[in-house]
Amino acid sequence: MLPPRLLRRVYLPIMLIALLLLGGVAVSVVHEGLMAGRAEAWMVLWVLAFVLGLPALLLVLPGLNALVDLARSRDNIPYTGGKIP
């Protein structure tokens, strides 16, 4: 239902907010990890990437793709086998 120009205006802020939240957590962990030592920081960042980053992507991206599909759906074209009024 949303035109592509408006869709870009909705998609971009949602992705920016998600990346800002993940970036803030990553900066905090890097800062704390560098205080402890280089090797420990490297291990903590790998754990952070899999524990926080992967589930966040698995939750955020399907939701955004659903919004894109909803915005691009056409309600005036019936599904296969549907009768046109």
PDB file of N, CA and C in Angstrom:
ATOM      1  N   MET A   1       0.800  -1.188   0.000  1.00  0.00           N
ATOM      2  CA  MET A   1       0.000   0.000   0.000  1.00  0.00           C
ATOM      3  C   MET A   1       0.853   1.266   0.000  1.00  0.00           C
ATOM      4  N   LEU A   2       2.035   1.189   0.597  1.00  0.00           N
ATOM      5  CA  LEU A   2       2.896   2.362   0.635  1.00  0.00           C
ATOM      6  C   LEU A   2       3.676   2.486  -0.664  1.00  0.00           C
ATOM      7  N   PRO A   3       3.805   3.690  -1.174  1.00  0.00           N
ATOM      8  CA  PRO A   3       4.641   3.869  -2.364  1.00  0.00           C
ATOM      9  C   PRO A   3       6.115   3.651  -2.005  1.00  0.00           C
ATOM     10  N   PRO A   4       6.937   3.286  -2.981  1.00  0.00           N
ATOM     11  CA  PRO A   4       8.353   2.996  -2.693  1.00  0.00           C
ATOM     12  C   PRO A   4       9.090   4.143  -2.012  1.00  0.00           C
ATOM     13  N   ARG A   5       8.771   5.364  -2.346  1.00  0.00           N
ATOM     14  CA  ARG A   5       9.454   6.506  -1.730  1.00  0.00           C
ATOM     15  C   ARG A   5       9.144   6.580  -0.234  1.00  0.00           C
ATOM     16  N   LEU A   6       7.889   6.378   0.134  1.00  0.00           N
ATOM     17  CA  LEU A   6       7.508   6.392   1.543  1.00  0.00           C
ATOM     18  C   LEU A   6       8.039   5.156   2.260  1.00  0.00           C
ATOM     19  N   LEU A   7       8.104   4.043   1.556  1.00  0.00           N
ATOM     20  CA  LEU A   7       8.626   2.809   2.134  1.00  0.00           C
ATOM     21  C   LEU A   7      10.082   2.986   2.559  1.00  0.00           C
ATOM     22  N   ARG A   8      10.871   3.673   1.754  1.00  0.00           N
ATOM     23  CA  ARG A   8      12.262   3.943   2.123  1.00  0.00           C
ATOM     24  C   ARG A   8      12.338   4.815   3.363  1.00  0.00           C
ATOM     25  N   ARG A   9      11.406   5.728   3.518  1.00  0.00           N
ATOM     26  CA  ARG A   9      11.404   6.609   4.690  1.00  0.00           C
ATOM     27  C   ARG A   9      11.014   5.869   5.959  1.00  0.00           C
ATOM     28  N   VAL A  10      10.293   4.779   5.849  1.00  0.00           N
ATOM     29  CA  VAL A  10       9.924   3.985   7.017  1.00  0.00           C
ATOM     30  C   VAL A  10      11.009   2.963   7.333  1.00  0.00           C
ATOM     31  N   TYR A  11      11.557   2.328   6.318  1.00  0.00           N
ATOM     32  CA  TYR A  11      12.547   1.263   6.485  1.00  0.00           C
ATOM     33  C   TYR A  11      13.845   1.794   7.087  1.00  0.00           C
ATOM     34  N   LEU A  12      14.306   2.916   6.610  1.00  0.00           N
ATOM     35  CA  LEU A  12      15.587   3.468   7.046  1.00  0.00           C
ATOM     36  C   LEU A  12      15.619   3.806   8.537  1.00  0.00           C
ATOM     37  N   PRO A  13      14.632   4.514   9.098  1.00  0.00           N
ATOM     38  CA  PRO A  13      14.710   4.803  10.542  1.00  0.00           C
ATOM     39  C   PRO A  13      14.665   3.553  11.417  1.00  0.00           C
ATOM     40  N   ILE A  14      13.900   2.552  11.020  1.00  0.00           N
ATOM     41  CA  ILE A  14      13.838   1.331  11.827  1.00  0.00           C
ATOM     42  C   ILE A  14      15.190   0.632  11.829  1.00  0.00           C
ATOM     43  N   MET A  15      15.834   0.535  10.677  1.00  0.00           N
ATOM     44  CA  MET A  15      17.158  -0.084  10.621  1.00  0.00           C
ATOM     45  C   MET A  15      18.189   0.748  11.383  1.00  0.00           C
ATOM     46  N   LEU A  16      18.097   2.070  11.302  1.00  0.00           N
ATOM     47  CA  LEU A  16      19.038   2.921  12.028  1.00  0.00           C
ATOM     48  C   LEU A  16      18.901   2.745  13.536  1.00  0.00           C
ATOM     49  N   ILE A  17      17.679   2.659  14.024  1.00  0.00           N
ATOM     50  CA  ILE A  17      17.461   2.469  15.462  1.00  0.00           C
ATOM     51  C   ILE A  17      18.020   1.127  15.908  1.00  0.00           C
ATOM     52  N   ALA A  18      17.769   0.075  15.124  1.00  0.00           N
ATOM     53  CA  ALA A  18      18.276  -1.253  15.481  1.00  0.00           C
ATOM     54  C   ALA A  18      19.804  -1.262  15.492  1.00  0.00           C
ATOM     55  N   LEU A  19      20.421  -0.645  14.500  1.00  0.00           N
ATOM     56  CA  LEU A  19      21.879  -0.617  14.448  1.00  0.00           C
ATOM     57  C   LEU A  19      22.472   0.264  15.544  1.00  0.00           C
ATOM     58  N   LEU A  20      21.802   1.340  15.902  1.00  0.00           N
ATOM     59  CA  LEU A  20      22.286   2.178  17.003  1.00  0.00           C
ATOM     60  C   LEU A  20      22.260   1.425  18.325  1.00  0.00           C
ATOM     61  N   LEU A  21      21.199   0.664  18.553  1.00  0.00           N
ATOM     62  CA  LEU A  21      21.124  -0.117  19.789  1.00  0.00           C
ATOM     63  C   LEU A  21      22.228  -1.171  19.838  1.00  0.00           C
ATOM     64  N   LEU A  22      22.408  -1.896  18.743  1.00  0.00           N
ATOM     65  CA  LEU A  22      23.470  -2.905  18.709  1.00  0.00           C
ATOM     66  C   LEU A  22      24.849  -2.263  18.797  1.00  0.00           C
ATOM     67  N   GLY A  23      25.025  -1.127  18.147  1.00  0.00           N
ATOM     68  CA  GLY A  23      26.305  -0.427  18.202  1.00  0.00           C
ATOM     69  C   GLY A  23      26.624   0.084  19.593  1.00  0.00           C
ATOM     70  N   GLY A  24      25.624   0.570  20.301  1.00  0.00           N
ATOM     71  CA  GLY A  24      25.837   1.040  21.671  1.00  0.00           C
ATOM     72  C   GLY A  24      26.283  -0.080  22.595  1.00  0.00           C
ATOM     73  N   VAL A  25      25.648  -1.234  22.454  1.00  0.00           N
ATOM     74  CA  VAL A  25      26.052  -2.388  23.258  1.00  0.00           C
ATOM     75  C   VAL A  25      27.469  -2.819  22.885  1.00  0.00           C
ATOM     76  N   ALA A  26      27.770  -2.825  21.598  1.00  0.00           N
ATOM     77  CA  ALA A  26      29.105  -3.240  21.152  1.00  0.00           C
ATOM     78  C   ALA A  26      30.181  -2.288  21.660  1.00  0.00           C
ATOM     79  N   VAL A  27      29.928  -0.992  21.634  1.00  0.00           N
ATOM     80  CA  VAL A  27      30.917  -0.024  22.125  1.00  0.00           C
ATOM     81  C   VAL A  27      31.155  -0.210  23.620  1.00  0.00           C
ATOM     82  N   SER A  28      30.093  -0.455  24.367  1.00  0.00           N
ATOM     83  CA  SER A  28      30.249  -0.686  25.807  1.00  0.00           C
ATOM     84  C   SER A  28      31.083  -1.928  26.080  1.00  0.00           C
ATOM     85  N   VAL A  29      30.823  -2.993  25.336  1.00  0.00           N
ATOM     86  CA  VAL A  29      31.569  -4.234  25.542  1.00  0.00           C
ATOM     87  C   VAL A  29      33.026  -4.063  25.126  1.00  0.00           C
ATOM     88  N   VAL A  30      33.273  -3.360  24.032  1.00  0.00           N
ATOM     89  CA  VAL A  30      34.656  -3.127  23.596  1.00  0.00           C
ATOM     90  C   VAL A  30      35.404  -2.316  24.650  1.00  0.00           C
ATOM     91  N   HIS A  31      34.762  -1.296  25.175  1.00  0.00           N
ATOM     92  CA  HIS A  31      35.412  -0.464  26.191  1.00  0.00           C
ATOM     93  C   HIS A  31      35.761  -1.293  27.426  1.00  0.00           C
ATOM     94  N   GLU A  32      34.815  -2.099  27.889  1.00  0.00           N
ATOM     95  CA  GLU A  32      35.080  -2.940  29.061  1.00  0.00           C
ATOM     96  C   GLU A  32      36.117  -4.015  28.746  1.00  0.00           C
ATOM     97  N   GLY A  33      36.074  -4.549  27.535  1.00  0.00           N
ATOM     98  CA  GLY A  33      37.020  -5.595  27.154  1.00  0.00           C
ATOM     99  C   GLY A  33      38.440  -5.078  27.035  1.00  0.00           C
ATOM    100  N   LEU A  34      38.606  -3.865  26.533  1.00  0.00           N
ATOM    101  CA  LEU A  34      39.949  -3.310  26.403  1.00  0.00           C
ATOM    102  C   LEU A  34      40.570  -3.016  27.763  1.00  0.00           C
ATOM    103  N   MET A  35      39.738  -2.761  28.748  1.00  0.00           N
ATOM    104  CA  MET A  35      40.264  -2.570  30.098  1.00  0.00           C
ATOM    105  C   MET A  35      40.849  -3.880  30.636  1.00  0.00           C
ATOM    106  N   ALA A  36      40.256  -5.007  30.248  1.00  0.00           N
ATOM    107  CA  ALA A  36      40.695  -6.305  30.765  1.00  0.00           C
ATOM    108  C   ALA A  36      41.914  -6.834  30.010  1.00  0.00           C
ATOM    109  N   GLY A  37      42.040  -6.538  28.737  1.00  0.00           N
ATOM    110  CA  GLY A  37      43.156  -7.037  27.950  1.00  0.00           C
ATOM    111  C   GLY A  37      42.708  -7.357  26.537  1.00  0.00           C
ATOM    112  N   ARG A  38      43.665  -7.432  25.628  1.00  0.00           N
ATOM    113  CA  ARG A  38      43.354  -7.597  24.215  1.00  0.00           C
ATOM    114  C   ARG A  38      42.753  -8.971  23.901  1.00  0.00           C
ATOM    115  N   ALA A  39      43.315 -10.027  24.436  1.00  0.00           N
ATOM    116  CA  ALA A  39      42.815 -11.376  24.145  1.00  0.00           C
ATOM    117  C   ALA A  39      41.408 -11.573  24.705  1.00  0.00           C
ATOM    118  N   GLU A  40      41.184 -11.073  25.903  1.00  0.00           N
ATOM    119  CA  GLU A  40      39.856 -11.215  26.498  1.00  0.00           C
ATOM    120  C   GLU A  40      38.827 -10.387  25.727  1.00  0.00           C
ATOM    121  N   ALA A  41      39.216  -9.218  25.248  1.00  0.00           N
ATOM    122  CA  ALA A  41      38.305  -8.392  24.461  1.00  0.00           C
ATOM    123  C   ALA A  41      37.909  -9.107  23.176  1.00  0.00           C
ATOM    124  N   TRP A  42      38.868  -9.778  22.536  1.00  0.00           N
ATOM    125  CA  TRP A  42      38.581 -10.496  21.296  1.00  0.00           C
ATOM    126  C   TRP A  42      37.583 -11.621  21.551  1.00  0.00           C
ATOM    127  N   MET A  43      37.769 -12.356  22.634  1.00  0.00           N
ATOM    128  CA  MET A  43      36.854 -13.455  22.950  1.00  0.00           C
ATOM    129  C   MET A  43      35.466 -12.940  23.315  1.00  0.00           C
ATOM    130  N   VAL A  44      35.409 -11.848  24.052  1.00  0.00           N
ATOM    131  CA  VAL A  44      34.117 -11.285  24.441  1.00  0.00           C
ATOM    132  C   VAL A  44      33.366 -10.781  23.213  1.00  0.00           C
ATOM    133  N   LEU A  45      34.069 -10.186  22.264  1.00  0.00           N
ATOM    134  CA  LEU A  45      33.406  -9.687  21.062  1.00  0.00           C
ATOM    135  C   LEU A  45      32.842 -10.818  20.209  1.00  0.00           C
ATOM    136  N   TRP A  46      33.540 -11.934  20.132  1.00  0.00           N
ATOM    137  CA  TRP A  46      33.002 -13.073  19.388  1.00  0.00           C
ATOM    138  C   TRP A  46      31.744 -13.607  20.060  1.00  0.00           C
ATOM    139  N   VAL A  47      31.776 -13.694  21.370  1.00  0.00           N
ATOM    140  CA  VAL A  47      30.587 -14.150  22.101  1.00  0.00           C
ATOM    141  C   VAL A  47      29.443 -13.162  21.901  1.00  0.00           C
ATOM    142  N   LEU A  48      29.749 -11.879  21.963  1.00  0.00           N
ATOM    143  CA  LEU A  48      28.727 -10.854  21.762  1.00  0.00           C
ATOM    144  C   LEU A  48      28.105 -10.956  20.374  1.00  0.00           C
ATOM    145  N   ALA A  49      28.926 -11.197  19.378  1.00  0.00           N
ATOM    146  CA  ALA A  49      28.419 -11.279  18.012  1.00  0.00           C
ATOM    147  C   ALA A  49      27.411 -12.413  17.859  1.00  0.00           C
ATOM    148  N   PHE A  50      27.675 -13.538  18.478  1.00  0.00           N
ATOM    149  CA  PHE A  50      26.763 -14.668  18.330  1.00  0.00           C
ATOM    150  C   PHE A  50      25.598 -14.621  19.303  1.00  0.00           C
ATOM    151  N   VAL A  51      25.823 -14.126  20.501  1.00  0.00           N
ATOM    152  CA  VAL A  51      24.758 -14.120  21.507  1.00  0.00           C
ATOM    153  C   VAL A  51      23.768 -12.979  21.274  1.00  0.00           C
ATOM    154  N   LEU A  52      24.244 -11.814  20.874  1.00  0.00           N
ATOM    155  CA  LEU A  52      23.348 -10.672  20.676  1.00  0.00           C
ATOM    156  C   LEU A  52      23.080 -10.362  19.206  1.00  0.00           C
ATOM    157  N   GLY A  53      24.112 -10.378  18.401  1.00  0.00           N
ATOM    158  CA  GLY A  53      23.967  -9.949  17.013  1.00  0.00           C
ATOM    159  C   GLY A  53      23.122 -10.873  16.164  1.00  0.00           C
ATOM    160  N   LEU A  54      23.381 -12.158  16.227  1.00  0.00           N
ATOM    161  CA  LEU A  54      22.638 -13.104  15.394  1.00  0.00           C
ATOM    162  C   LEU A  54      21.155 -13.162  15.756  1.00  0.00           C
ATOM    163  N   PRO A  55      20.785 -13.305  17.033  1.00  0.00           N
ATOM    164  CA  PRO A  55      19.348 -13.275  17.349  1.00  0.00           C
ATOM    165  C   PRO A  55      18.691 -11.943  17.008  1.00  0.00           C
ATOM    166  N   ALA A  56      19.427 -10.847  17.175  1.00  0.00           N
ATOM    167  CA  ALA A  56      18.851  -9.543  16.830  1.00  0.00           C
ATOM    168  C   ALA A  56      18.545  -9.476  15.338  1.00  0.00           C
ATOM    169  N   LEU A  57      19.467  -9.950  14.523  1.00  0.00           N
ATOM    170  CA  LEU A  57      19.209  -9.967  13.083  1.00  0.00           C
ATOM    171  C   LEU A  57      18.064 -10.906  12.733  1.00  0.00           C
ATOM    172  N   LEU A  58      17.998 -12.047  13.406  1.00  0.00           N
ATOM    173  CA  LEU A  58      16.923 -12.996  13.129  1.00  0.00           C
ATOM    174  C   LEU A  58      15.560 -12.452  13.549  1.00  0.00           C
ATOM    175  N   LEU A  59      15.528 -11.526  14.490  1.00  0.00           N
ATOM    176  CA  LEU A  59      14.262 -10.934  14.919  1.00  0.00           C
ATOM    177  C   LEU A  59      13.912  -9.667  14.144  1.00  0.00           C
ATOM    178  N   VAL A  60      14.896  -8.834  13.851  1.00  0.00           N
ATOM    179  CA  VAL A  60      14.626  -7.538  13.228  1.00  0.00           C
ATOM    180  C   VAL A  60      14.356  -7.673  11.727  1.00  0.00           C
ATOM    181  N   LEU A  61      15.183  -8.418  11.015  1.00  0.00           N
ATOM    182  CA  LEU A  61      15.049  -8.476   9.559  1.00  0.00           C
ATOM    183  C   LEU A  61      13.741  -9.105   9.075  1.00  0.00           C
ATOM    184  N   PRO A  62      13.259 -10.215   9.652  1.00  0.00           N
ATOM    185  CA  PRO A  62      11.959 -10.718   9.194  1.00  0.00           C
ATOM    186  C   PRO A  62      10.819  -9.739   9.451  1.00  0.00           C
ATOM    187  N   GLY A  63      10.897  -9.022  10.556  1.00  0.00           N
ATOM    188  CA  GLY A  63       9.870  -8.020  10.827  1.00  0.00           C
ATOM    189  C   GLY A  63       9.882  -6.904   9.798  1.00  0.00           C
ATOM    190  N   LEU A  64      11.072  -6.455   9.439  1.00  0.00           N
ATOM    191  CA  LEU A  64      11.164  -5.414   8.421  1.00  0.00           C
ATOM    192  C   LEU A  64      10.750  -5.936   7.051  1.00  0.00           C
ATOM    193  N   ASN A  65      11.105  -7.173   6.742  1.00  0.00           N
ATOM    194  CA  ASN A  65      10.672  -7.745   5.466  1.00  0.00           C
ATOM    195  C   ASN A  65       9.155  -7.902   5.420  1.00  0.00           C
ATOM    196  N   ALA A  66       8.537  -8.218   6.554  1.00  0.00           N
ATOM    197  CA  ALA A  66       7.075  -8.300   6.597  1.00  0.00           C
ATOM    198  C   ALA A  66       6.451  -6.930   6.352  1.00  0.00           C
ATOM    199  N   LEU A  67       7.065  -5.884   6.911  1.00  0.00           N
ATOM    200  CA  LEU A  67       6.567  -4.531   6.644  1.00  0.00           C
ATOM    201  C   LEU A  67       6.700  -4.171   5.168  1.00  0.00           C
ATOM    202  N   VAL A  68       7.815  -4.553   4.568  1.00  0.00           N
ATOM    203  CA  VAL A  68       8.017  -4.273   3.145  1.00  0.00           C
ATOM    204  C   VAL A  68       6.994  -5.034   2.313  1.00  0.00           C
ATOM    205  N   ASP A  69       6.770  -6.310   2.621  1.00  0.00           N
ATOM    206  CA  ASP A  69       5.782  -7.094   1.880  1.00  0.00           C
ATOM    207  C   ASP A  69       4.383  -6.528   2.056  1.00  0.00           C
ATOM    208  N   LEU A  70       4.066  -6.101   3.270  1.00  0.00           N
ATOM    209  CA  LEU A  70       2.754  -5.512   3.525  1.00  0.00           C
ATOM    210  C   LEU A  70       2.583  -4.211   2.748  1.00  0.00           C
ATOM    211  N   ALA A  71       3.641  -3.439   2.686  1.00  0.00           N
ATOM    212  CA  ALA A  71       3.564  -2.165   1.978  1.00  0.00           C
ATOM    213  C   ALA A  71       3.481  -2.367   0.471  1.00  0.00           C
ATOM    214  N   ARG A  72       4.082  -3.426  -0.027  1.00  0.00           N
ATOM    215  CA  ARG A  72       4.078  -3.671  -1.472  1.00  0.00           C
ATOM    216  C   ARG A  72       2.906  -4.519  -1.937  1.00  0.00           C
ATOM    217  N   SER A  73       2.089  -5.021  -1.016  1.00  0.00           N
ATOM    218  CA  SER A  73       0.980  -5.885  -1.421  1.00  0.00           C
ATOM    219  C   SER A  73      -0.047  -5.075  -2.205  1.00  0.00           C
ATOM    220  N   ARG A  74      -0.649  -5.739  -3.142  1.00  0.00           N
ATOM    221  CA  ARG A  74      -1.670  -5.093  -3.966  1.00  0.00           C
ATOM    222  C   ARG A  74      -3.004  -5.740  -3.643  1.00  0.00           C
ATOM    223  N   ASP A  75      -3.917  -4.949  -3.147  1.00  0.00           N
ATOM    224  CA  ASP A  75      -5.206  -5.509  -2.777  1.00  0.00           C
ATOM    225  C   ASP A  75      -6.188  -5.522  -3.942  1.00  0.00           C
ATOM    226  N   ASN A  76      -5.827  -4.927  -5.066  1.00  0.00           N
ATOM    227  CA  ASN A  76      -6.743  -4.919  -6.200  1.00  0.00           C
ATOM    228  C   ASN A  76      -6.505  -6.083  -7.158  1.00  0.00           C
ATOM    229  N   ILE A  77      -5.472  -6.892  -6.926  1.00  0.00           N
ATOM    230  CA  ILE A  77      -5.202  -8.052  -7.764  1.00  0.00           C
ATOM    231  C   ILE A  77      -5.511  -9.295  -6.942  1.00  0.00           C
ATOM    232  N   PRO A  78      -6.483 -10.114  -7.361  1.00  0.00           N
ATOM    233  CA  PRO A  78      -6.849 -11.290  -6.559  1.00  0.00           C
ATOM    234  C   PRO A  78      -5.789 -12.383  -6.653  1.00  0.00           C
ATOM    235  N   TYR A  79      -5.814 -13.274  -5.662  1.00  0.00           N
ATOM    236  CA  TYR A  79      -4.930 -14.430  -5.687  1.00  0.00           C
ATOM    237  C   TYR A  79      -5.350 -15.371  -6.809  1.00  0.00           C
ATOM    238  N   THR A  80      -4.516 -16.349  -7.112  1.00  0.00           N
ATOM    239  CA  THR A  80      -4.812 -17.299  -8.175  1.00  0.00           C
ATOM    240  C   THR A  80      -6.112 -18.032  -7.869  1.00  0.00           C
ATOM    241  N   GLY A  81      -6.992 -18.053  -8.814  1.00  0.00           N
ATOM    242  CA  GLY A  81      -8.265 -18.736  -8.646  1.00  0.00           C
ATOM    243  C   GLY A  81      -9.353 -17.853  -8.065  1.00  0.00           C
ATOM    244  N   GLY A  82      -9.002 -16.647  -7.658  1.00  0.00           N
ATOM    245  CA  GLY A  82     -10.009 -15.745  -7.108  1.00  0.00           C
ATOM    246  C   GLY A  82     -10.820 -15.099  -8.214  1.00  0.00           C
ATOM    247  N   LYS A  83     -12.066 -14.811  -7.917  1.00  0.00           N
ATOM    248  CA  LYS A  83     -12.935 -14.187  -8.914  1.00  0.00           C
ATOM    249  C   LYS A  83     -12.814 -12.673  -8.827  1.00  0.00           C
ATOM    250  N   ILE A  84     -12.750 -12.061  -9.976  1.00  0.00           N
ATOM    251  CA  ILE A  84     -12.698 -10.606 -10.036  1.00  0.00           C
ATOM    252  C   ILE A  84     -14.132 -10.097  -9.990  1.00  0.00           C
ATOM    253  N   PRO A  85     -14.444  -9.205  -9.059  1.00  0.00           N
ATOM    254  CA  PRO A  85     -15.840  -8.732  -8.942  1.00  0.00           C
ATOM    255  C   PRO A  85     -16.267  -7.892 -10.122  1.00  0.00           C
TER     256      PRO A  85
END
